[in-house]
Amino acid sequence: LVDRADDDPALGYPLATRHDLDEVAEETGGVAVVADVRD
């Protein structure tokens, strides 16, 4: 599971947090990876 896990200054609304990512990873048995899809 890949997510930026942080807000983006170019966007005017909140994004998912590291807690959100880790919570879904724990629930699904997935591996959490913090990454921006532009990277």
All heavy atoms as atom14 arrays in JSON, in Angstrom:
{
  "sequence": "LVDRADDDPALGYPLATRHDLDEVAEETGGVAVVADVRD",
  "atom14_mask": [
    [1, 1, 1, 1, 1, 1, 1, 1, 0, 0, 0, 0, 0, 0],
    [1, 1, 1, 1, 1, 1, 1, 0, 0, 0, 0, 0, 0, 0],
    [1, 1, 1, 1, 1, 1, 1, 1, 0, 0, 0, 0, 0, 0],
    [1, 1, 1, 1, 1, 1, 1, 1, 1, 1, 1, 0, 0, 0],
    [1, 1, 1, 1, 1, 0, 0, 0, 0, 0, 0, 0, 0, 0],
    [1, 1, 1, 1, 1, 1, 1, 1, 0, 0, 0, 0, 0, 0],
    [1, 1, 1, 1, 1, 1, 1, 1, 0, 0, 0, 0, 0, 0],
    [1, 1, 1, 1, 1, 1, 1, 1, 0, 0, 0, 0, 0, 0],
    [1, 1, 1, 1, 1, 1, 1, 0, 0, 0, 0, 0, 0, 0],
    [1, 1, 1, 1, 1, 0, 0, 0, 0, 0, 0, 0, 0, 0],
    [1, 1, 1, 1, 1, 1, 1, 1, 0, 0, 0, 0, 0, 0],
    [1, 1, 1, 1, 0, 0, 0, 0, 0, 0, 0, 0, 0, 0],
    [1, 1, 1, 1, 1, 1, 1, 1, 1, 1, 1, 1, 0, 0],
    [1, 1, 1, 1, 1, 1, 1, 0, 0, 0, 0, 0, 0, 0],
    [1, 1, 1, 1, 1, 1, 1, 1, 0, 0, 0, 0, 0, 0],
    [1, 1, 1, 1, 1, 0, 0, 0, 0, 0, 0, 0, 0, 0],
    [1, 1, 1, 1, 1, 1, 1, 0, 0, 0, 0, 0, 0, 0],
    [1, 1, 1, 1, 1, 1, 1, 1, 1, 1, 1, 0, 0, 0],
    [1, 1, 1, 1, 1, 1, 1, 1, 1, 1, 0, 0, 0, 0],
    [1, 1, 1, 1, 1, 1, 1, 1, 0, 0, 0, 0, 0, 0],
    [1, 1, 1, 1, 1, 1, 1, 1, 0, 0, 0, 0, 0, 0],
    [1, 1, 1, 1, 1, 1, 1, 1, 0, 0, 0, 0, 0, 0],
    [1, 1, 1, 1, 1, 1, 1, 1, 1, 0, 0, 0, 0, 0],
    [1, 1, 1, 1, 1, 1, 1, 0, 0, 0, 0, 0, 0, 0],
    [1, 1, 1, 1, 1, 0, 0, 0, 0, 0, 0, 0, 0, 0],
    [1, 1, 1, 1, 1, 1, 1, 1, 1, 0, 0, 0, 0, 0],
    [1, 1, 1, 1, 1, 1, 1, 1, 1, 0, 0, 0, 0, 0],
    [1, 1, 1, 1, 1, 1, 1, 0, 0, 0, 0, 0, 0, 0],
    [1, 1, 1, 1, 0, 0, 0, 0, 0, 0, 0, 0, 0, 0],
    [1, 1, 1, 1, 0, 0, 0, 0, 0, 0, 0, 0, 0, 0],
    [1, 1, 1, 1, 1, 1, 1, 0, 0, 0, 0, 0, 0, 0],
    [1, 1, 1, 1, 1, 0, 0, 0, 0, 0, 0, 0, 0, 0],
    [1, 1, 1, 1, 1, 1, 1, 0, 0, 0, 0, 0, 0, 0],
    [1, 1, 1, 1, 1, 1, 1, 0, 0, 0, 0, 0, 0, 0],
    [1, 1, 1, 1, 1, 0, 0, 0, 0, 0, 0, 0, 0, 0],
    [1, 1, 1, 1, 1, 1, 1, 1, 0, 0, 0, 0, 0, 0],
    [1, 1, 1, 1, 1, 1, 1, 0, 0, 0, 0, 0, 0, 0],
    [1, 1, 1, 1, 1, 1, 1, 1, 1, 1, 1, 0, 0, 0],
    [1, 1, 1, 1, 1, 1, 1, 1, 0, 0, 0, 0, 0, 0]
  ],
  "atom14_positions": [
    [[0.85, -1.19, 0.0], [0.0, 0.0, 0.0], [0.89, 1.24, 0.0], [1.71, 1.42, 0.91], [-0.9, 0.01, 1.24], [-1.71, -1.28, 1.47], [-2.44, -1.21, 2.79], [-2.68, -1.51, 0.33], [0.0, 0.0, 0.0], [0.0, 0.0, 0.0], [0.0, 0.0, 0.0], [0.0, 0.0, 0.0], [0.0, 0.0, 0.0], [0.0, 0.0, 0.0]],
    [[0.69, 2.09, -0.99], [1.54, 3.26, -1.17], [0.73, 4.53, -0.97], [-0.36, 4.67, -1.55], [2.18, 3.27, -2.58], [3.03, 4.51, -2.78], [3.01, 2.0, -2.79], [0.0, 0.0, 0.0], [0.0, 0.0, 0.0], [0.0, 0.0, 0.0], [0.0, 0.0, 0.0], [0.0, 0.0, 0.0], [0.0, 0.0, 0.0], [0.0, 0.0, 0.0]],
    [[1.27, 5.44, -0.18], [0.6, 6.72, 0.02], [1.64, 7.77, 0.39], [2.65, 7.46, 1.02], [-0.45, 6.62, 1.13], [-1.47, 7.75, 1.07], [-1.13, 8.88, 1.46], [-2.6, 7.49, 0.63], [0.0, 0.0, 0.0], [0.0, 0.0, 0.0], [0.0, 0.0, 0.0], [0.0, 0.0, 0.0], [0.0, 0.0, 0.0], [0.0, 0.0, 0.0]],
    [[1.37, 8.99, 0.02], [2.23, 10.1, 0.42], [2.24, 10.28, 1.94], [3.24, 10.66, 2.54], [1.75, 11.39, -0.26], [2.47, 12.67, 0.17], [1.82, 13.89, -0.47], [2.34, 15.13, 0.1], [3.4, 15.77, -0.37], [4.05, 15.28, -1.4], [3.81, 16.89, 0.19], [0.0, 0.0, 0.0], [0.0, 0.0, 0.0], [0.0, 0.0, 0.0]],
    [[1.08, 10.01, 2.55], [0.93, 10.05, 4.01], [1.3, 11.41, 4.6], [1.85, 11.5, 5.71], [1.75, 8.93, 4.66], [0.0, 0.0, 0.0], [0.0, 0.0, 0.0], [0.0, 0.0, 0.0], [0.0, 0.0, 0.0], [0.0, 0.0, 0.0], [0.0, 0.0, 0.0], [0.0, 0.0, 0.0], [0.0, 0.0, 0.0], [0.0, 0.0, 0.0]],
    [[0.97, 12.46, 3.89], [1.24, 13.81, 4.36], [0.45, 14.77, 3.48], [0.09, 14.44, 2.34], [2.74, 14.12, 4.27], [3.13, 15.36, 5.06], [2.28, 15.89, 5.8], [4.28, 15.8, 4.93], [0.0, 0.0, 0.0], [0.0, 0.0, 0.0], [0.0, 0.0, 0.0], [0.0, 0.0, 0.0], [0.0, 0.0, 0.0], [0.0, 0.0, 0.0]],
    [[0.18, 15.94, 3.98], [-0.5, 16.94, 3.18], [0.43, 17.49, 2.1], [1.66, 17.4, 2.21], [-1.0, 18.09, 4.06], [-2.19, 17.68, 4.91], [-2.82, 16.65, 4.6], [-2.48, 18.38, 5.9], [0.0, 0.0, 0.0], [0.0, 0.0, 0.0], [0.0, 0.0, 0.0], [0.0, 0.0, 0.0], [0.0, 0.0, 0.0], [0.0, 0.0, 0.0]],
    [[-0.17, 18.06, 1.06], [0.57, 18.65, -0.04], [0.26, 20.14, -0.05], [-0.91, 20.53, -0.09], [0.16, 18.01, -1.37], [1.02, 18.44, -2.54], [1.32, 19.64, -2.65], [1.38, 17.58, -3.36], [0.0, 0.0, 0.0], [0.0, 0.0, 0.0], [0.0, 0.0, 0.0], [0.0, 0.0, 0.0], [0.0, 0.0, 0.0], [0.0, 0.0, 0.0]],
    [[1.27, 20.99, -0.02], [1.0, 22.44, 0.04], [0.23, 22.97, -1.17], [-0.37, 24.04, -1.08], [2.4, 23.06, 0.13], [3.34, 21.99, -0.33], [2.71, 20.7, 0.05], [0.0, 0.0, 0.0], [0.0, 0.0, 0.0], [0.0, 0.0, 0.0], [0.0, 0.0, 0.0], [0.0, 0.0, 0.0], [0.0, 0.0, 0.0], [0.0, 0.0, 0.0]],
    [[0.24, 22.24, -2.28], [-0.49, 22.69, -3.47], [-1.98, 22.39, -3.37], [-2.77, 22.91, -4.17], [0.08, 22.03, -4.73], [0.0, 0.0, 0.0], [0.0, 0.0, 0.0], [0.0, 0.0, 0.0], [0.0, 0.0, 0.0], [0.0, 0.0, 0.0], [0.0, 0.0, 0.0], [0.0, 0.0, 0.0], [0.0, 0.0, 0.0], [0.0, 0.0, 0.0]],
    [[-2.38, 21.57, -2.41], [-3.77, 21.16, -2.27], [-4.39, 21.84, -1.06], [-3.76, 21.96, -0.01], [-3.88, 19.64, -2.13], [-3.16, 18.82, -3.21], [-3.38, 17.33, -2.94], [-3.64, 19.2, -4.6], [0.0, 0.0, 0.0], [0.0, 0.0, 0.0], [0.0, 0.0, 0.0], [0.0, 0.0, 0.0], [0.0, 0.0, 0.0], [0.0, 0.0, 0.0]],
    [[-5.62, 22.22, -1.2], [-6.29, 22.96, -0.13], [-7.13, 22.11, 0.78], [-8.03, 22.62, 1.45], [0.0, 0.0, 0.0], [0.0, 0.0, 0.0], [0.0, 0.0, 0.0], [0.0, 0.0, 0.0], [0.0, 0.0, 0.0], [0.0, 0.0, 0.0], [0.0, 0.0, 0.0], [0.0, 0.0, 0.0], [0.0, 0.0, 0.0], [0.0, 0.0, 0.0]],
    [[-6.87, 20.84, 0.85], [-7.65, 19.95, 1.71], [-6.71, 18.88, 2.28], [-5.66, 18.6, 1.71], [-8.81, 19.31, 0.93], [-8.38, 18.56, -0.32], [-8.1, 17.19, -0.27], [-8.26, 19.2, -1.54], [-7.71, 16.51, -1.41], [-7.87, 18.53, -2.68], [-7.6, 17.18, -2.61], [-7.21, 16.5, -3.74], [0.0, 0.0, 0.0], [0.0, 0.0, 0.0]],
    [[-7.08, 18.26, 3.4], [-6.19, 17.3, 4.05], [-6.13, 15.97, 3.3], [-7.13, 15.51, 2.74], [-6.8, 17.12, 5.44], [-8.25, 17.45, 5.24], [-8.29, 18.53, 4.19], [0.0, 0.0, 0.0], [0.0, 0.0, 0.0], [0.0, 0.0, 0.0], [0.0, 0.0, 0.0], [0.0, 0.0, 0.0], [0.0, 0.0, 0.0], [0.0, 0.0, 0.0]],
    [[-4.94, 15.38, 3.3], [-4.73, 14.07, 2.71], [-4.61, 13.02, 3.81], [-4.61, 13.33, 5.0], [-3.47, 14.08, 1.85], [-3.43, 15.13, 0.72], [-2.14, 14.99, -0.09], [-4.65, 15.01, -0.18], [0.0, 0.0, 0.0], [0.0, 0.0, 0.0], [0.0, 0.0, 0.0], [0.0, 0.0, 0.0], [0.0, 0.0, 0.0], [0.0, 0.0, 0.0]],
    [[-4.51, 11.77, 3.41], [-4.35, 10.69, 4.37], [-3.05, 10.87, 5.16], [-2.05, 11.38, 4.64], [-4.35, 9.34, 3.66], [0.0, 0.0, 0.0], [0.0, 0.0, 0.0], [0.0, 0.0, 0.0], [0.0, 0.0, 0.0], [0.0, 0.0, 0.0], [0.0, 0.0, 0.0], [0.0, 0.0, 0.0], [0.0, 0.0, 0.0], [0.0, 0.0, 0.0]],
    [[-3.07, 10.45, 6.39], [-1.9, 10.55, 7.26], [-1.17, 9.22, 7.33], [-1.66, 8.19, 6.84], [-2.33, 10.94, 8.68], [-3.13, 9.86, 9.22], [-3.15, 12.22, 8.67], [0.0, 0.0, 0.0], [0.0, 0.0, 0.0], [0.0, 0.0, 0.0], [0.0, 0.0, 0.0], [0.0, 0.0, 0.0], [0.0, 0.0, 0.0], [0.0, 0.0, 0.0]],
    [[0.01, 9.23, 7.96], [0.74, 7.98, 8.17], [-0.09, 7.03, 9.04], [-0.08, 5.8, 8.82], [2.1, 8.27, 8.82], [2.92, 7.0, 9.09], [3.2, 6.27, 7.78], [3.67, 4.92, 7.98], [4.97, 4.57, 7.94], [5.9, 5.5, 7.74], [5.32, 3.32, 8.1], [0.0, 0.0, 0.0], [0.0, 0.0, 0.0], [0.0, 0.0, 0.0]],
    [[-0.82, 7.58, 9.99], [-1.69, 6.74, 10.82], [-2.75, 6.05, 9.96], [-3.03, 4.87, 10.14], [-2.36, 7.59, 11.9], [-3.39, 6.83, 12.7], [-3.06, 5.9, 13.65], [-4.76, 6.87, 12.63], [-4.17, 5.39, 14.16], [-5.21, 5.96, 13.57], [0.0, 0.0, 0.0], [0.0, 0.0, 0.0], [0.0, 0.0, 0.0], [0.0, 0.0, 0.0]],
    [[-3.35, 6.81, 9.03], [-4.36, 6.21, 8.13], [-3.76, 5.07, 7.33], [-4.37, 3.99, 7.19], [-4.9, 7.27, 7.17], [-5.67, 8.37, 7.88], [-6.31, 8.08, 8.92], [-5.63, 9.52, 7.4], [0.0, 0.0, 0.0], [0.0, 0.0, 0.0], [0.0, 0.0, 0.0], [0.0, 0.0, 0.0], [0.0, 0.0, 0.0], [0.0, 0.0, 0.0]],
    [[-2.57, 5.3, 6.77], [-1.91, 4.28, 5.96], [-1.61, 3.04, 6.8], [-1.88, 1.9, 6.38], [-0.63, 4.84, 5.35], [0.25, 3.88, 4.56], [-0.49, 3.29, 3.36], [1.53, 4.58, 4.11], [0.0, 0.0, 0.0], [0.0, 0.0, 0.0], [0.0, 0.0, 0.0], [0.0, 0.0, 0.0], [0.0, 0.0, 0.0], [0.0, 0.0, 0.0]],
    [[-1.04, 3.24, 7.97], [-0.69, 2.11, 8.82], [-1.93, 1.35, 9.28], [-1.92, 0.11, 9.4], [0.09, 2.59, 10.05], [1.5, 3.04, 9.7], [2.0, 2.66, 8.62], [2.1, 3.78, 10.51], [0.0, 0.0, 0.0], [0.0, 0.0, 0.0], [0.0, 0.0, 0.0], [0.0, 0.0, 0.0], [0.0, 0.0, 0.0], [0.0, 0.0, 0.0]],
    [[-3.01, 2.07, 9.52], [-4.25, 1.44, 9.96], [-4.8, 0.51, 8.88], [-5.2, -0.63, 9.16], [-5.27, 2.52, 10.31], [-6.54, 2.0, 10.95], [-7.43, 3.14, 11.41], [-7.82, 3.97, 10.56], [-7.73, 3.2, 12.61], [0.0, 0.0, 0.0], [0.0, 0.0, 0.0], [0.0, 0.0, 0.0], [0.0, 0.0, 0.0], [0.0, 0.0, 0.0]],
    [[-4.81, 0.99, 7.62], [-5.3, 0.14, 6.52], [-4.35, -1.04, 6.31], [-4.79, -2.16, 6.03], [-5.46, 0.97, 5.23], [-5.88, 0.07, 4.07], [-6.5, 2.06, 5.44], [0.0, 0.0, 0.0], [0.0, 0.0, 0.0], [0.0, 0.0, 0.0], [0.0, 0.0, 0.0], [0.0, 0.0, 0.0], [0.0, 0.0, 0.0], [0.0, 0.0, 0.0]],
    [[-3.05, -0.8, 6.42], [-2.09, -1.88, 6.26], [-2.29, -2.96, 7.31], [-2.27, -4.17, 7.02], [-0.67, -1.33, 6.32], [0.0, 0.0, 0.0], [0.0, 0.0, 0.0], [0.0, 0.0, 0.0], [0.0, 0.0, 0.0], [0.0, 0.0, 0.0], [0.0, 0.0, 0.0], [0.0, 0.0, 0.0], [0.0, 0.0, 0.0], [0.0, 0.0, 0.0]],
    [[-2.51, -2.54, 8.55], [-2.74, -3.52, 9.62], [-4.03, -4.29, 9.39], [-4.09, -5.52, 9.57], [-2.8, -2.8, 10.96], [-2.99, -3.74, 12.14], [-2.95, -3.02, 13.48], [-2.75, -1.79, 13.49], [-3.12, -3.7, 14.51], [0.0, 0.0, 0.0], [0.0, 0.0, 0.0], [0.0, 0.0, 0.0], [0.0, 0.0, 0.0], [0.0, 0.0, 0.0]],
    [[-5.06, -3.59, 8.96], [-6.37, -4.22, 8.73], [-6.32, -5.23, 7.6], [-6.99, -6.26, 7.64], [-7.4, -3.13, 8.42], [-8.8, -3.63, 8.19], [-9.76, -2.5, 7.87], [-9.41, -1.33, 8.09], [-10.87, -2.8, 7.39], [0.0, 0.0, 0.0], [0.0, 0.0, 0.0], [0.0, 0.0, 0.0], [0.0, 0.0, 0.0], [0.0, 0.0, 0.0]],
    [[-5.52, -4.95, 6.57], [-5.49, -5.79, 5.37], [-4.31, -6.76, 5.33], [-4.21, -7.56, 4.4], [-5.44, -4.92, 4.11], [-4.24, -4.12, 4.13], [-6.66, -4.02, 4.02], [0.0, 0.0, 0.0], [0.0, 0.0, 0.0], [0.0, 0.0, 0.0], [0.0, 0.0, 0.0], [0.0, 0.0, 0.0], [0.0, 0.0, 0.0], [0.0, 0.0, 0.0]],
    [[-3.4, -6.65, 6.31], [-2.2, -7.46, 6.26], [-1.22, -6.99, 5.21], [-0.32, -7.74, 4.82], [0.0, 0.0, 0.0], [0.0, 0.0, 0.0], [0.0, 0.0, 0.0], [0.0, 0.0, 0.0], [0.0, 0.0, 0.0], [0.0, 0.0, 0.0], [0.0, 0.0, 0.0], [0.0, 0.0, 0.0], [0.0, 0.0, 0.0], [0.0, 0.0, 0.0]],
    [[-1.36, -5.75, 4.75], [-0.51, -5.22, 3.7], [0.77, -4.61, 4.24], [0.93, -4.43, 5.45], [0.0, 0.0, 0.0], [0.0, 0.0, 0.0], [0.0, 0.0, 0.0], [0.0, 0.0, 0.0], [0.0, 0.0, 0.0], [0.0, 0.0, 0.0], [0.0, 0.0, 0.0], [0.0, 0.0, 0.0], [0.0, 0.0, 0.0], [0.0, 0.0, 0.0]],
    [[1.65, -4.27, 3.33], [2.91, -3.61, 3.66], [2.76, -2.13, 3.31], [2.44, -1.79, 2.16], [4.08, -4.21, 2.87], [5.39, -3.51, 3.26], [4.18, -5.71, 3.11], [0.0, 0.0, 0.0], [0.0, 0.0, 0.0], [0.0, 0.0, 0.0], [0.0, 0.0, 0.0], [0.0, 0.0, 0.0], [0.0, 0.0, 0.0], [0.0, 0.0, 0.0]],
    [[2.97, -1.26, 4.28], [2.83, 0.18, 4.06], [4.13, 0.77, 3.55], [5.2, 0.53, 4.12], [2.42, 0.87, 5.35], [0.0, 0.0, 0.0], [0.0, 0.0, 0.0], [0.0, 0.0, 0.0], [0.0, 0.0, 0.0], [0.0, 0.0, 0.0], [0.0, 0.0, 0.0], [0.0, 0.0, 0.0], [0.0, 0.0, 0.0], [0.0, 0.0, 0.0]],
    [[4.04, 1.53, 2.46], [5.2, 2.23, 1.9], [4.83, 3.7, 1.73], [3.85, 4.02, 1.05], [5.62, 1.64, 0.53], [6.72, 2.48, -0.11], [6.07, 0.19, 0.69], [0.0, 0.0, 0.0], [0.0, 0.0, 0.0], [0.0, 0.0, 0.0], [0.0, 0.0, 0.0], [0.0, 0.0, 0.0], [0.0, 0.0, 0.0], [0.0, 0.0, 0.0]],
    [[5.59, 4.58, 2.34], [5.35, 6.01, 2.19], [6.09, 6.48, 0.95], [7.32, 6.37, 0.86], [5.83, 6.79, 3.43], [5.7, 8.29, 3.2], [5.03, 6.36, 4.65], [0.0, 0.0, 0.0], [0.0, 0.0, 0.0], [0.0, 0.0, 0.0], [0.0, 0.0, 0.0], [0.0, 0.0, 0.0], [0.0, 0.0, 0.0], [0.0, 0.0, 0.0]],
    [[5.34, 6.99, -0.03], [5.94, 7.44, -1.28], [4.99, 8.35, -2.01], [3.76, 8.17, -1.94], [6.29, 6.24, -2.18], [0.0, 0.0, 0.0], [0.0, 0.0, 0.0], [0.0, 0.0, 0.0], [0.0, 0.0, 0.0], [0.0, 0.0, 0.0], [0.0, 0.0, 0.0], [0.0, 0.0, 0.0], [0.0, 0.0, 0.0], [0.0, 0.0, 0.0]],
    [[5.53, 9.33, -2.7], [4.77, 10.21, -3.58], [4.75, 9.57, -4.96], [5.8, 9.12, -5.46], [5.45, 11.58, -3.63], [4.59, 12.64, -4.3], [4.14, 12.41, -5.45], [4.38, 13.7, -3.7], [0.0, 0.0, 0.0], [0.0, 0.0, 0.0], [0.0, 0.0, 0.0], [0.0, 0.0, 0.0], [0.0, 0.0, 0.0], [0.0, 0.0, 0.0]],
    [[3.6, 9.53, -5.61], [3.5, 8.85, -6.9], [4.26, 9.56, -8.01], [4.42, 9.02, -9.1], [2.03, 8.66, -7.32], [1.31, 7.72, -6.36], [1.3, 9.99, -7.44], [0.0, 0.0, 0.0], [0.0, 0.0, 0.0], [0.0, 0.0, 0.0], [0.0, 0.0, 0.0], [0.0, 0.0, 0.0], [0.0, 0.0, 0.0], [0.0, 0.0, 0.0]],
    [[4.75, 10.77, -7.74], [5.58, 11.48, -8.71], [7.05, 11.13, -8.58], [7.88, 11.61, -9.36], [5.38, 12.99, -8.55], [3.97, 13.46, -8.87], [3.7, 14.87, -8.36], [3.55, 14.88, -6.9], [3.12, 15.92, -6.21], [2.77, 17.03, -6.84], [3.02, 15.86, -4.88], [0.0, 0.0, 0.0], [0.0, 0.0, 0.0], [0.0, 0.0, 0.0]],
    [[7.38, 10.29, -7.61], [8.76, 9.95, -7.29], [9.08, 8.57, -7.86], [8.73, 7.54, -7.26], [8.93, 9.97, -5.77], [10.36, 9.72, -5.32], [11.16, 9.19, -6.1], [10.66, 10.05, -4.16], [0.0, 0.0, 0.0], [0.0, 0.0, 0.0], [0.0, 0.0, 0.0], [0.0, 0.0, 0.0], [0.0, 0.0, 0.0], [0.0, 0.0, 0.0]]
  ]
}
